[in-house]
């Protein structure tokens, strides 16, 4: 799935600094998907969706697009410790790319993990 969204908060539920709160729609099965910025850099991995029914019961308000991604900075040290992966990591891109180019790069980099 590919969707545009924004980082809505620099921390997750309970101010957990390991996560971003994101506004991009998340559907079942999206967990593990890359969250990329306008330059095509992976900045997070989609990890959770706020349970709307629980939030409604607790607050009386129905949340819309409250989702979470693990920050890539937490994952990078793990990836760098795996030699076969570390050798394939690319330096961060510093210039903004066309949306369709970012989409193509993300699709080319995605692999199914069992």
PDB file of N, CA and C in Angstrom:
ATOM      1  N   UNK A   1       0.837  -1.170   0.000  1.00  0.00           N
ATOM      2  CA  UNK A   1       0.000   0.000   0.000  1.00  0.00           C
ATOM      3  C   UNK A   1       0.883   1.234   0.000  1.00  0.00           C
ATOM      4  N   UNK A   2       0.433   2.239  -0.681  1.00  0.00           N
ATOM      5  CA  UNK A   2       1.136   3.507  -0.683  1.00  0.00           C
ATOM      6  C   UNK A   2       0.132   4.610  -0.417  1.00  0.00           C
ATOM      7  N   UNK A   3       0.452   5.455   0.536  1.00  0.00           N
ATOM      8  CA  UNK A   3      -0.439   6.560   0.873  1.00  0.00           C
ATOM      9  C   UNK A   3       0.392   7.726   1.366  1.00  0.00           C
ATOM     10  N   UNK A   4      -0.080   8.918   1.064  1.00  0.00           N
ATOM     11  CA  UNK A   4       0.579  10.113   1.593  1.00  0.00           C
ATOM     12  C   UNK A   4       0.050  10.380   2.992  1.00  0.00           C
ATOM     13  N   UNK A   5       0.907  10.915   3.815  1.00  0.00           N
ATOM     14  CA  UNK A   5       0.515  11.278   5.160  1.00  0.00           C
ATOM     15  C   UNK A   5       1.570  12.172   5.768  1.00  0.00           C
ATOM     16  N   UNK A   6       1.398  12.457   7.018  1.00  0.00           N
ATOM     17  CA  UNK A   6       2.330  13.322   7.728  1.00  0.00           C
ATOM     18  C   UNK A   6       2.695  12.700   9.069  1.00  0.00           C
ATOM     19  N   UNK A   7       3.852  13.110   9.570  1.00  0.00           N
ATOM     20  CA  UNK A   7       4.191  12.766  10.947  1.00  0.00           C
ATOM     21  C   UNK A   7       3.415  13.754  11.804  1.00  0.00           C
ATOM     22  N   UNK A   8       2.484  13.232  12.575  1.00  0.00           N
ATOM     23  CA  UNK A   8       1.601  14.067  13.382  1.00  0.00           C
ATOM     24  C   UNK A   8       2.201  14.387  14.745  1.00  0.00           C
ATOM     25  N   UNK A   9       3.071  13.513  15.230  1.00  0.00           N
ATOM     26  CA  UNK A   9       3.737  13.732  16.514  1.00  0.00           C
ATOM     27  C   UNK A   9       5.057  12.979  16.515  1.00  0.00           C
ATOM     28  N   UNK A  10       6.045  13.529  17.210  1.00  0.00           N
ATOM     29  CA  UNK A  10       7.370  12.908  17.251  1.00  0.00           C
ATOM     30  C   UNK A  10       7.475  11.812  18.291  1.00  0.00           C
ATOM     31  N   UNK A  11       6.346  11.472  18.914  1.00  0.00           N
ATOM     32  CA  UNK A  11       6.321  10.361  19.859  1.00  0.00           C
ATOM     33  C   UNK A  11       4.997   9.626  19.700  1.00  0.00           C
ATOM     34  N   UNK A  12       4.988   8.406  20.194  1.00  0.00           N
ATOM     35  CA  UNK A  12       3.802   7.573  20.071  1.00  0.00           C
ATOM     36  C   UNK A  12       2.899   7.679  21.286  1.00  0.00           C
ATOM     37  N   UNK A  13       2.046   6.684  21.439  1.00  0.00           N
ATOM     38  CA  UNK A  13       1.108   6.637  22.562  1.00  0.00           C
ATOM     39  C   UNK A  13       1.880   6.731  23.879  1.00  0.00           C
ATOM     40  N   UNK A  14       1.363   7.494  24.816  1.00  0.00           N
ATOM     41  CA  UNK A  14       2.038   7.654  26.101  1.00  0.00           C
ATOM     42  C   UNK A  14       3.367   8.362  25.984  1.00  0.00           C
ATOM     43  N   UNK A  15       3.534   9.172  24.933  1.00  0.00           N
ATOM     44  CA  UNK A  15       4.785   9.909  24.673  1.00  0.00           C
ATOM     45  C   UNK A  15       5.989   8.985  24.501  1.00  0.00           C
ATOM     46  N   UNK A  16       5.761   7.808  23.943  1.00  0.00           N
ATOM     47  CA  UNK A  16       6.836   6.846  23.697  1.00  0.00           C
ATOM     48  C   UNK A  16       7.727   7.374  22.567  1.00  0.00           C
ATOM     49  N   UNK A  17       8.958   7.740  22.895  1.00  0.00           N
ATOM     50  CA  UNK A  17       9.879   8.368  21.942  1.00  0.00           C
ATOM     51  C   UNK A  17      10.398   7.412  20.875  1.00  0.00           C
ATOM     52  N   UNK A  18      10.113   6.136  20.996  1.00  0.00           N
ATOM     53  CA  UNK A  18      10.557   5.173  19.977  1.00  0.00           C
ATOM     54  C   UNK A  18       9.699   5.224  18.722  1.00  0.00           C
ATOM     55  N   UNK A  19       8.562   5.908  18.792  1.00  0.00           N
ATOM     56  CA  UNK A  19       7.583   5.899  17.710  1.00  0.00           C
ATOM     57  C   UNK A  19       7.278   7.306  17.203  1.00  0.00           C
ATOM     58  N   UNK A  20       6.814   7.362  15.958  1.00  0.00           N
ATOM     59  CA  UNK A  20       6.163   8.537  15.396  1.00  0.00           C
ATOM     60  C   UNK A  20       4.666   8.260  15.412  1.00  0.00           C
ATOM     61  N   UNK A  21       3.852   9.284  15.583  1.00  0.00           N
ATOM     62  CA  UNK A  21       2.426   9.166  15.284  1.00  0.00           C
ATOM     63  C   UNK A  21       2.279   9.677  13.862  1.00  0.00           C
ATOM     64  N   UNK A  22       1.606   8.901  13.020  1.00  0.00           N
ATOM     65  CA  UNK A  22       1.482   9.268  11.609  1.00  0.00           C
ATOM     66  C   UNK A  22       0.018   9.376  11.207  1.00  0.00           C
ATOM     67  N   UNK A  23      -0.228  10.207  10.183  1.00  0.00           N
ATOM     68  CA  UNK A  23      -1.599  10.385   9.712  1.00  0.00           C
ATOM     69  C   UNK A  23      -1.916   9.530   8.494  1.00  0.00           C
ATOM     70  N   UNK A  24      -0.923   8.870   7.924  1.00  0.00           N
ATOM     71  CA  UNK A  24      -1.170   8.017   6.761  1.00  0.00           C
ATOM     72  C   UNK A  24      -2.129   6.893   7.156  1.00  0.00           C
ATOM     73  N   UNK A  25      -3.109   6.590   6.293  1.00  0.00           N
ATOM     74  CA  UNK A  25      -4.028   5.499   6.608  1.00  0.00           C
ATOM     75  C   UNK A  25      -3.280   4.161   6.712  1.00  0.00           C
ATOM     76  N   UNK A  26      -3.662   3.364   7.678  1.00  0.00           N
ATOM     77  CA  UNK A  26      -3.056   2.049   7.883  1.00  0.00           C
ATOM     78  C   UNK A  26      -4.166   1.011   7.881  1.00  0.00           C
ATOM     79  N   UNK A  27      -3.971  -0.021   7.097  1.00  0.00           N
ATOM     80  CA  UNK A  27      -4.937  -1.116   6.990  1.00  0.00           C
ATOM     81  C   UNK A  27      -4.310  -2.389   7.556  1.00  0.00           C
ATOM     82  N   UNK A  28      -5.136  -3.382   7.885  1.00  0.00           N
ATOM     83  CA  UNK A  28      -4.562  -4.655   8.332  1.00  0.00           C
ATOM     84  C   UNK A  28      -3.559  -5.173   7.298  1.00  0.00           C
ATOM     85  N   UNK A  29      -2.419  -5.597   7.775  1.00  0.00           N
ATOM     86  CA  UNK A  29      -1.376  -6.095   6.881  1.00  0.00           C
ATOM     87  C   UNK A  29      -0.332  -5.065   6.517  1.00  0.00           C
ATOM     88  N   UNK A  30      -0.535  -3.790   6.888  1.00  0.00           N
ATOM     89  CA  UNK A  30       0.449  -2.749   6.577  1.00  0.00           C
ATOM     90  C   UNK A  30       1.623  -2.729   7.544  1.00  0.00           C
ATOM     91  N   UNK A  31       1.502  -3.363   8.689  1.00  0.00           N
ATOM     92  CA  UNK A  31       2.611  -3.377   9.641  1.00  0.00           C
ATOM     93  C   UNK A  31       3.843  -3.957   8.971  1.00  0.00           C
ATOM     94  N   UNK A  32       4.967  -3.320   9.218  1.00  0.00           N
ATOM     95  CA  UNK A  32       6.219  -3.742   8.604  1.00  0.00           C
ATOM     96  C   UNK A  32       6.532  -2.978   7.334  1.00  0.00           C
ATOM     97  N   UNK A  33       5.586  -2.175   6.859  1.00  0.00           N
ATOM     98  CA  UNK A  33       5.821  -1.373   5.668  1.00  0.00           C
ATOM     99  C   UNK A  33       6.692  -0.167   5.978  1.00  0.00           C
ATOM    100  N   UNK A  34       7.428   0.280   4.978  1.00  0.00           N
ATOM    101  CA  UNK A  34       8.332   1.419   5.166  1.00  0.00           C
ATOM    102  C   UNK A  34       7.565   2.733   5.183  1.00  0.00           C
ATOM    103  N   UNK A  35       7.983   3.616   6.064  1.00  0.00           N
ATOM    104  CA  UNK A  35       7.518   4.995   6.096  1.00  0.00           C
ATOM    105  C   UNK A  35       8.668   5.809   5.516  1.00  0.00           C
ATOM    106  N   UNK A  36       8.451   6.432   4.356  1.00  0.00           N
ATOM    107  CA  UNK A  36       9.527   7.160   3.681  1.00  0.00           C
ATOM    108  C   UNK A  36       9.214   8.652   3.639  1.00  0.00           C
ATOM    109  N   UNK A  37      10.274   9.451   3.624  1.00  0.00           N
ATOM    110  CA  UNK A  37      10.092  10.896   3.536  1.00  0.00           C
ATOM    111  C   UNK A  37      10.137  11.335   2.070  1.00  0.00           C
ATOM    112  N   UNK A  38      10.051  12.631   1.839  1.00  0.00           N
ATOM    113  CA  UNK A  38       9.982  13.169   0.475  1.00  0.00           C
ATOM    114  C   UNK A  38      11.261  12.948  -0.311  1.00  0.00           C
ATOM    115  N   UNK A  39      12.348  12.614   0.365  1.00  0.00           N
ATOM    116  CA  UNK A  39      13.602  12.318  -0.319  1.00  0.00           C
ATOM    117  C   UNK A  39      13.761  10.825  -0.595  1.00  0.00           C
ATOM    118  N   UNK A  40      12.802  10.029  -0.133  1.00  0.00           N
ATOM    119  CA  UNK A  40      12.859   8.587  -0.349  1.00  0.00           C
ATOM    120  C   UNK A  40      13.589   7.819   0.729  1.00  0.00           C
ATOM    121  N   UNK A  41      13.968   8.483   1.811  1.00  0.00           N
ATOM    122  CA  UNK A  41      14.653   7.817   2.917  1.00  0.00           C
ATOM    123  C   UNK A  41      13.641   7.139   3.830  1.00  0.00           C
ATOM    124  N   UNK A  42      13.966   5.941   4.275  1.00  0.00           N
ATOM    125  CA  UNK A  42      13.109   5.252   5.241  1.00  0.00           C
ATOM    126  C   UNK A  42      13.310   5.926   6.595  1.00  0.00           C
ATOM    127  N   UNK A  43      12.236   6.475   7.143  1.00  0.00           N
ATOM    128  CA  UNK A  43      12.312   7.148   8.443  1.00  0.00           C
ATOM    129  C   UNK A  43      11.600   6.355   9.525  1.00  0.00           C
ATOM    130  N   UNK A  44      10.877   5.319   9.132  1.00  0.00           N
ATOM    131  CA  UNK A  44      10.178   4.500  10.106  1.00  0.00           C
ATOM    132  C   UNK A  44       9.586   3.259   9.467  1.00  0.00           C
ATOM    133  N   UNK A  45       9.072   2.398  10.313  1.00  0.00           N
ATOM    134  CA  UNK A  45       8.404   1.174   9.890  1.00  0.00           C
ATOM    135  C   UNK A  45       7.023   1.172  10.533  1.00  0.00           C
ATOM    136  N   UNK A  46       5.983   1.073   9.711  1.00  0.00           N
ATOM    137  CA  UNK A  46       4.603   1.077  10.209  1.00  0.00           C
ATOM    138  C   UNK A  46       4.441  -0.070  11.198  1.00  0.00           C
ATOM    139  N   UNK A  47       3.882   0.262  12.372  1.00  0.00           N
ATOM    140  CA  UNK A  47       3.823  -0.766  13.404  1.00  0.00           C
ATOM    141  C   UNK A  47       2.473  -0.939  14.095  1.00  0.00           C
ATOM    142  N   UNK A  48       1.623   0.087  14.102  1.00  0.00           N
ATOM    143  CA  UNK A  48       0.381  -0.055  14.867  1.00  0.00           C
ATOM    144  C   UNK A  48      -0.662   0.960  14.418  1.00  0.00           C
ATOM    145  N   UNK A  49      -1.901   0.635  14.763  1.00  0.00           N
ATOM    146  CA  UNK A  49      -3.037   1.511  14.501  1.00  0.00           C
ATOM    147  C   UNK A  49      -3.786   1.667  15.813  1.00  0.00           C
ATOM    148  N   UNK A  50      -4.181   2.899  16.125  1.00  0.00           N
ATOM    149  CA  UNK A  50      -4.953   3.126  17.337  1.00  0.00           C
ATOM    150  C   UNK A  50      -6.296   2.424  17.206  1.00  0.00           C
ATOM    151  N   UNK A  51      -6.690   1.686  18.211  1.00  0.00           N
ATOM    152  CA  UNK A  51      -7.969   0.992  18.198  1.00  0.00           C
ATOM    153  C   UNK A  51      -9.083   2.023  18.376  1.00  0.00           C
ATOM    154  N   UNK A  52      -9.837   2.273  17.309  1.00  0.00           N
ATOM    155  CA  UNK A  52     -10.863   3.319  17.316  1.00  0.00           C
ATOM    156  C   UNK A  52     -11.953   3.048  18.347  1.00  0.00           C
ATOM    157  N   UNK A  53     -12.361   1.799  18.495  1.00  0.00           N
ATOM    158  CA  UNK A  53     -13.429   1.474  19.450  1.00  0.00           C
ATOM    159  C   UNK A  53     -12.987   1.744  20.882  1.00  0.00           C
ATOM    160  N   UNK A  54     -11.765   1.380  21.198  1.00  0.00           N
ATOM    161  CA  UNK A  54     -11.240   1.622  22.537  1.00  0.00           C
ATOM    162  C   UNK A  54     -11.111   3.120  22.803  1.00  0.00           C
ATOM    163  N   UNK A  55     -10.613   3.860  21.811  1.00  0.00           N
ATOM    164  CA  UNK A  55     -10.468   5.311  21.958  1.00  0.00           C
ATOM    165  C   UNK A  55     -11.828   5.984  22.107  1.00  0.00           C
ATOM    166  N   UNK A  56     -12.815   5.522  21.352  1.00  0.00           N
ATOM    167  CA  UNK A  56     -14.165   6.070  21.452  1.00  0.00           C
ATOM    168  C   UNK A  56     -14.743   5.842  22.842  1.00  0.00           C
ATOM    169  N   UNK A  57     -14.567   4.624  23.353  1.00  0.00           N
ATOM    170  CA  UNK A  57     -15.083   4.303  24.685  1.00  0.00           C
ATOM    171  C   UNK A  57     -14.387   5.123  25.767  1.00  0.00           C
ATOM    172  N   UNK A  58     -13.084   5.367  25.593  1.00  0.00           N
ATOM    173  CA  UNK A  58     -12.324   6.086  26.612  1.00  0.00           C
ATOM    174  C   UNK A  58     -12.525   7.594  26.556  1.00  0.00           C
ATOM    175  N   UNK A  59     -12.684   8.134  25.346  1.00  0.00           N
ATOM    176  CA  UNK A  59     -12.703   9.594  25.218  1.00  0.00           C
ATOM    177  C   UNK A  59     -14.022  10.163  24.717  1.00  0.00           C
ATOM    178  N   UNK A  60     -14.847   9.307  24.142  1.00  0.00           N
ATOM    179  CA  UNK A  60     -16.087   9.790  23.557  1.00  0.00           C
ATOM    180  C   UNK A  60     -15.907  10.377  22.170  1.00  0.00           C
ATOM    181  N   UNK A  61     -14.694  10.342  21.655  1.00  0.00           N
ATOM    182  CA  UNK A  61     -14.401  10.868  20.321  1.00  0.00           C
ATOM    183  C   UNK A  61     -13.856   9.747  19.446  1.00  0.00           C
ATOM    184  N   UNK A  62     -14.223   9.780  18.185  1.00  0.00           N
ATOM    185  CA  UNK A  62     -13.744   8.781  17.235  1.00  0.00           C
ATOM    186  C   UNK A  62     -12.491   9.308  16.551  1.00  0.00           C
ATOM    187  N   UNK A  63     -11.333   8.673  16.783  1.00  0.00           N
ATOM    188  CA  UNK A  63     -10.097   9.146  16.170  1.00  0.00           C
ATOM    189  C   UNK A  63     -10.054   8.791  14.688  1.00  0.00           C
ATOM    190  N   UNK A  64      -9.362   9.618  13.917  1.00  0.00           N
ATOM    191  CA  UNK A  64      -9.193   9.350  12.492  1.00  0.00           C
ATOM    192  C   UNK A  64      -7.708   9.323  12.155  1.00  0.00           C
ATOM    193  N   UNK A  65      -7.289   8.254  11.516  1.00  0.00           N
ATOM    194  CA  UNK A  65      -5.906   8.104  11.052  1.00  0.00           C
ATOM    195  C   UNK A  65      -4.880   8.377  12.147  1.00  0.00           C
ATOM    196  N   UNK A  66      -5.039   7.735  13.282  1.00  0.00           N
ATOM    197  CA  UNK A  66      -4.036   7.800  14.342  1.00  0.00           C
ATOM    198  C   UNK A  66      -3.293   6.470  14.305  1.00  0.00           C
ATOM    199  N   UNK A  67      -2.098   6.518  13.745  1.00  0.00           N
ATOM    200  CA  UNK A  67      -1.308   5.317  13.515  1.00  0.00           C
ATOM    201  C   UNK A  67       0.119   5.571  13.958  1.00  0.00           C
ATOM    202  N   UNK A  68       0.902   4.517  14.047  1.00  0.00           N
ATOM    203  CA  UNK A  68       2.240   4.642  14.606  1.00  0.00           C
ATOM    204  C   UNK A  68       3.265   3.903  13.751  1.00  0.00           C
ATOM    205  N   UNK A  69       4.492   4.448  13.777  1.00  0.00           N
ATOM    206  CA  UNK A  69       5.620   3.826  13.096  1.00  0.00           C
ATOM    207  C   UNK A  69       6.823   3.861  14.023  1.00  0.00           C
ATOM    208  N   UNK A  70       7.573   2.777  14.061  1.00  0.00           N
ATOM    209  CA  UNK A  70       8.824   2.725  14.824  1.00  0.00           C
ATOM    210  C   UNK A  70       9.839   3.580  14.077  1.00  0.00           C
ATOM    211  N   UNK A  71      10.557   4.416  14.792  1.00  0.00           N
ATOM    212  CA  UNK A  71      11.568   5.266  14.166  1.00  0.00           C
ATOM    213  C   UNK A  71      12.711   4.415  13.612  1.00  0.00           C
ATOM    214  N   UNK A  72      13.152   4.756  12.416  1.00  0.00           N
ATOM    215  CA  UNK A  72      14.208   3.981  11.767  1.00  0.00           C
ATOM    216  C   UNK A  72      15.528   4.056  12.524  1.00  0.00           C
ATOM    217  N   UNK A  73      15.735   5.117  13.285  1.00  0.00           N
ATOM    218  CA  UNK A  73      16.987   5.229  14.045  1.00  0.00           C
ATOM    219  C   UNK A  73      17.149   4.062  15.026  1.00  0.00           C
ATOM    220  N   UNK A  74      16.045   3.523  15.515  1.00  0.00           N
ATOM    221  CA  UNK A  74      16.119   2.369  16.418  1.00  0.00           C
ATOM    222  C   UNK A  74      16.478   1.092  15.678  1.00  0.00           C
ATOM    223  N   UNK A  75      16.111   1.040  14.418  1.00  0.00           N
ATOM    224  CA  UNK A  75      16.345  -0.170  13.637  1.00  0.00           C
ATOM    225  C   UNK A  75      17.698  -0.181  12.950  1.00  0.00           C
ATOM    226  N   UNK A  76      18.269   0.991  12.734  1.00  0.00           N
ATOM    227  CA  UNK A  76      19.501   1.091  11.963  1.00  0.00           C
ATOM    228  C   UNK A  76      20.656   0.327  12.593  1.00  0.00           C
ATOM    229  N   UNK A  77      20.826   0.412  13.909  1.00  0.00           N
ATOM    230  CA  UNK A  77      21.944  -0.300  14.536  1.00  0.00           C
ATOM    231  C   UNK A  77      21.799  -1.807  14.364  1.00  0.00           C
ATOM    232  N   UNK A  78      20.558  -2.299  14.411  1.00  0.00           N
ATOM    233  CA  UNK A  78      20.337  -3.732  14.159  1.00  0.00           C
ATOM    234  C   UNK A  78      20.728  -4.079  12.726  1.00  0.00           C
ATOM    235  N   UNK A  79      20.257  -3.290  11.770  1.00  0.00           N
ATOM    236  CA  UNK A  79      20.557  -3.564  10.361  1.00  0.00           C
ATOM    237  C   UNK A  79      22.057  -3.514  10.084  1.00  0.00           C
ATOM    238  N   UNK A  80      22.743  -2.583  10.721  1.00  0.00           N
ATOM    239  CA  UNK A  80      24.192  -2.465  10.527  1.00  0.00           C
ATOM    240  C   UNK A  80      24.948  -3.643  11.122  1.00  0.00           C
ATOM    241  N   UNK A  81      24.327  -4.383  12.045  1.00  0.00           N
ATOM    242  CA  UNK A  81      24.993  -5.531  12.663  1.00  0.00           C
ATOM    243  C   UNK A  81      24.875  -6.803  11.831  1.00  0.00           C
ATOM    244  N   UNK A  82      24.073  -6.764  10.771  1.00  0.00           N
ATOM    245  CA  UNK A  82      23.906  -7.928   9.897  1.00  0.00           C
ATOM    246  C   UNK A  82      24.740  -7.683   8.634  1.00  0.00           C
ATOM    247  N   UNK A  83      25.886  -8.373   8.485  1.00  0.00           N
ATOM    248  CA  UNK A  83      26.800  -8.073   7.383  1.00  0.00           C
ATOM    249  C   UNK A  83      26.155  -8.064   5.996  1.00  0.00           C
ATOM    250  N   UNK A  84      25.290  -9.023   5.699  1.00  0.00           N
ATOM    251  CA  UNK A  84      24.672  -9.066   4.370  1.00  0.00           C
ATOM    252  C   UNK A  84      23.759  -7.873   4.133  1.00  0.00           C
ATOM    253  N   UNK A  85      23.215  -7.318   5.188  1.00  0.00           N
ATOM    254  CA  UNK A  85      22.338  -6.151   5.076  1.00  0.00           C
ATOM    255  C   UNK A  85      23.161  -4.872   5.111  1.00  0.00           C
ATOM    256  N   UNK A  86      24.120  -4.805   6.022  1.00  0.00           N
ATOM    257  CA  UNK A  86      24.927  -3.595   6.202  1.00  0.00           C
ATOM    258  C   UNK A  86      25.597  -3.177   4.900  1.00  0.00           C
ATOM    259  N   UNK A  87      26.047  -4.152   4.123  1.00  0.00           N
ATOM    260  CA  UNK A  87      26.721  -3.854   2.860  1.00  0.00           C
ATOM    261  C   UNK A  87      25.788  -3.256   1.817  1.00  0.00           C
ATOM    262  N   UNK A  88      24.481  -3.386   2.015  1.00  0.00           N
ATOM    263  CA  UNK A  88      23.500  -2.898   1.039  1.00  0.00           C
ATOM    264  C   UNK A  88      22.845  -1.585   1.453  1.00  0.00           C
ATOM    265  N   UNK A  89      23.130  -1.117   2.662  1.00  0.00           N
ATOM    266  CA  UNK A  89      22.543   0.136   3.124  1.00  0.00           C
ATOM    267  C   UNK A  89      23.120   1.298   2.334  1.00  0.00           C
ATOM    268  N   UNK A  90      22.258   2.199   1.940  1.00  0.00           N
ATOM    269  CA  UNK A  90      22.685   3.360   1.158  1.00  0.00           C
ATOM    270  C   UNK A  90      22.724   4.584   2.053  1.00  0.00           C
ATOM    271  N   UNK A  91      23.575   5.557   1.719  1.00  0.00           N
ATOM    272  CA  UNK A  91      23.573   6.800   2.494  1.00  0.00           C
ATOM    273  C   UNK A  91      22.253   7.543   2.284  1.00  0.00           C
ATOM    274  N   UNK A  92      21.901   8.368   3.236  1.00  0.00           N
ATOM    275  CA  UNK A  92      20.651   9.125   3.150  1.00  0.00           C
ATOM    276  C   UNK A  92      20.688  10.088   1.972  1.00  0.00           C
ATOM    277  N   UNK A  93      19.564  10.197   1.292  1.00  0.00           N
ATOM    278  CA  UNK A  93      19.402  11.161   0.210  1.00  0.00           C
ATOM    279  C   UNK A  93      19.034  12.500   0.852  1.00  0.00           C
ATOM    280  N   UNK A  94      19.664  13.575   0.417  1.00  0.00           N
ATOM    281  CA  UNK A  94      19.412  14.873   1.049  1.00  0.00           C
ATOM    282  C   UNK A  94      18.541  15.792   0.209  1.00  0.00           C
ATOM    283  N   UNK A  95      18.195  15.378  -0.998  1.00  0.00           N
ATOM    284  CA  UNK A  95      17.351  16.257  -1.811  1.00  0.00           C
ATOM    285  C   UNK A  95      15.980  15.636  -2.010  1.00  0.00           C
ATOM    286  N   UNK A  96      14.975  16.501  -2.041  1.00  0.00           N
ATOM    287  CA  UNK A  96      13.605  16.042  -2.243  1.00  0.00           C
ATOM    288  C   UNK A  96      13.455  15.491  -3.654  1.00  0.00           C
ATOM    289  N   UNK A  97      12.711  14.412  -3.785  1.00  0.00           N
ATOM    290  CA  UNK A  97      12.493  13.745  -5.064  1.00  0.00           C
ATOM    291  C   UNK A  97      11.048  13.940  -5.509  1.00  0.00           C
ATOM    292  N   UNK A  98      10.785  13.680  -6.770  1.00  0.00           N
ATOM    293  CA  UNK A  98       9.404  13.666  -7.255  1.00  0.00           C
ATOM    294  C   UNK A  98       8.685  12.498  -6.587  1.00  0.00           C
ATOM    295  N   UNK A  99       7.413  12.714  -6.273  1.00  0.00           N
ATOM    296  CA  UNK A  99       6.643  11.677  -5.579  1.00  0.00           C
ATOM    297  C   UNK A  99       6.701  10.344  -6.322  1.00  0.00           C
ATOM    298  N   UNK A 100       6.511  10.378  -7.649  1.00  0.00           N
ATOM    299  CA  UNK A 100       6.516   9.122  -8.406  1.00  0.00           C
ATOM    300  C   UNK A 100       7.884   8.431  -8.362  1.00  0.00           C
ATOM    301  N   UNK A 101       8.968   9.201  -8.237  1.00  0.00           N
ATOM    302  CA  UNK A 101      10.298   8.598  -8.114  1.00  0.00           C
ATOM    303  C   UNK A 101      10.477   7.940  -6.745  1.00  0.00           C
ATOM    304  N   UNK A 102       9.949   8.589  -5.713  1.00  0.00           N
ATOM    305  CA  UNK A 102      10.008   8.001  -4.367  1.00  0.00           C
ATOM    306  C   UNK A 102       9.216   6.697  -4.335  1.00  0.00           C
ATOM    307  N   UNK A 103       8.056   6.701  -4.964  1.00  0.00           N
ATOM    308  CA  UNK A 103       7.225   5.492  -5.035  1.00  0.00           C
ATOM    309  C   UNK A 103       7.993   4.373  -5.725  1.00  0.00           C
ATOM    310  N   UNK A 104       8.605   4.666  -6.851  1.00  0.00           N
ATOM    311  CA  UNK A 104       9.354   3.653  -7.612  1.00  0.00           C
ATOM    312  C   UNK A 104      10.511   3.097  -6.781  1.00  0.00           C
ATOM    313  N   UNK A 105      11.255   3.989  -6.118  1.00  0.00           N
ATOM    314  CA  UNK A 105      12.372   3.554  -5.272  1.00  0.00           C
ATOM    315  C   UNK A 105      11.883   2.647  -4.154  1.00  0.00           C
ATOM    316  N   UNK A 106      10.779   3.020  -3.531  1.00  0.00           N
ATOM    317  CA  UNK A 106      10.246   2.215  -2.428  1.00  0.00           C
ATOM    318  C   UNK A 106       9.799   0.852  -2.924  1.00  0.00           C
ATOM    319  N   UNK A 107       9.140   0.821  -4.072  1.00  0.00           N
ATOM    320  CA  UNK A 107       8.690  -0.457  -4.632  1.00  0.00           C
ATOM    321  C   UNK A 107       9.877  -1.343  -5.003  1.00  0.00           C
ATOM    322  N   UNK A 108      10.918  -0.751  -5.564  1.00  0.00           N
ATOM    323  CA  UNK A 108      12.102  -1.516  -5.960  1.00  0.00           C
ATOM    324  C   UNK A 108      12.844  -2.073  -4.755  1.00  0.00           C
ATOM    325  N   UNK A 109      12.760  -1.387  -3.619  1.00  0.00           N
ATOM    326  CA  UNK A 109      13.498  -1.793  -2.423  1.00  0.00           C
ATOM    327  C   UNK A 109      12.725  -2.777  -1.549  1.00  0.00           C
ATOM    328  N   UNK A 110      11.434  -2.904  -1.769  1.00  0.00           N
ATOM    329  CA  UNK A 110      10.592  -3.750  -0.914  1.00  0.00           C
ATOM    330  C   UNK A 110      10.790  -5.224  -1.226  1.00  0.00           C
ATOM    331  N   UNK A 111      10.848  -6.027  -0.179  1.00  0.00           N
ATOM    332  CA  UNK A 111      10.923  -7.471  -0.316  1.00  0.00           C
ATOM    333  C   UNK A 111       9.971  -8.118   0.683  1.00  0.00           C
ATOM    334  N   UNK A 112       9.472  -9.271   0.343  1.00  0.00           N
ATOM    335  CA  UNK A 112       8.602 -10.013   1.239  1.00  0.00           C
ATOM    336  C   UNK A 112       9.464 -10.812   2.214  1.00  0.00           C
ATOM    337  N   UNK A 113       9.183 -10.673   3.487  1.00  0.00           N
ATOM    338  CA  UNK A 113       9.904 -11.397   4.515  1.00  0.00           C
ATOM    339  C   UNK A 113       8.961 -12.411   5.131  1.00  0.00           C
ATOM    340  N   UNK A 114       9.380 -13.664   5.182  1.00  0.00           N
ATOM    341  CA  UNK A 114       8.536 -14.731   5.725  1.00  0.00           C
ATOM    342  C   UNK A 114       8.830 -14.943   7.184  1.00  0.00           C
TER     343      UNK A 114
END
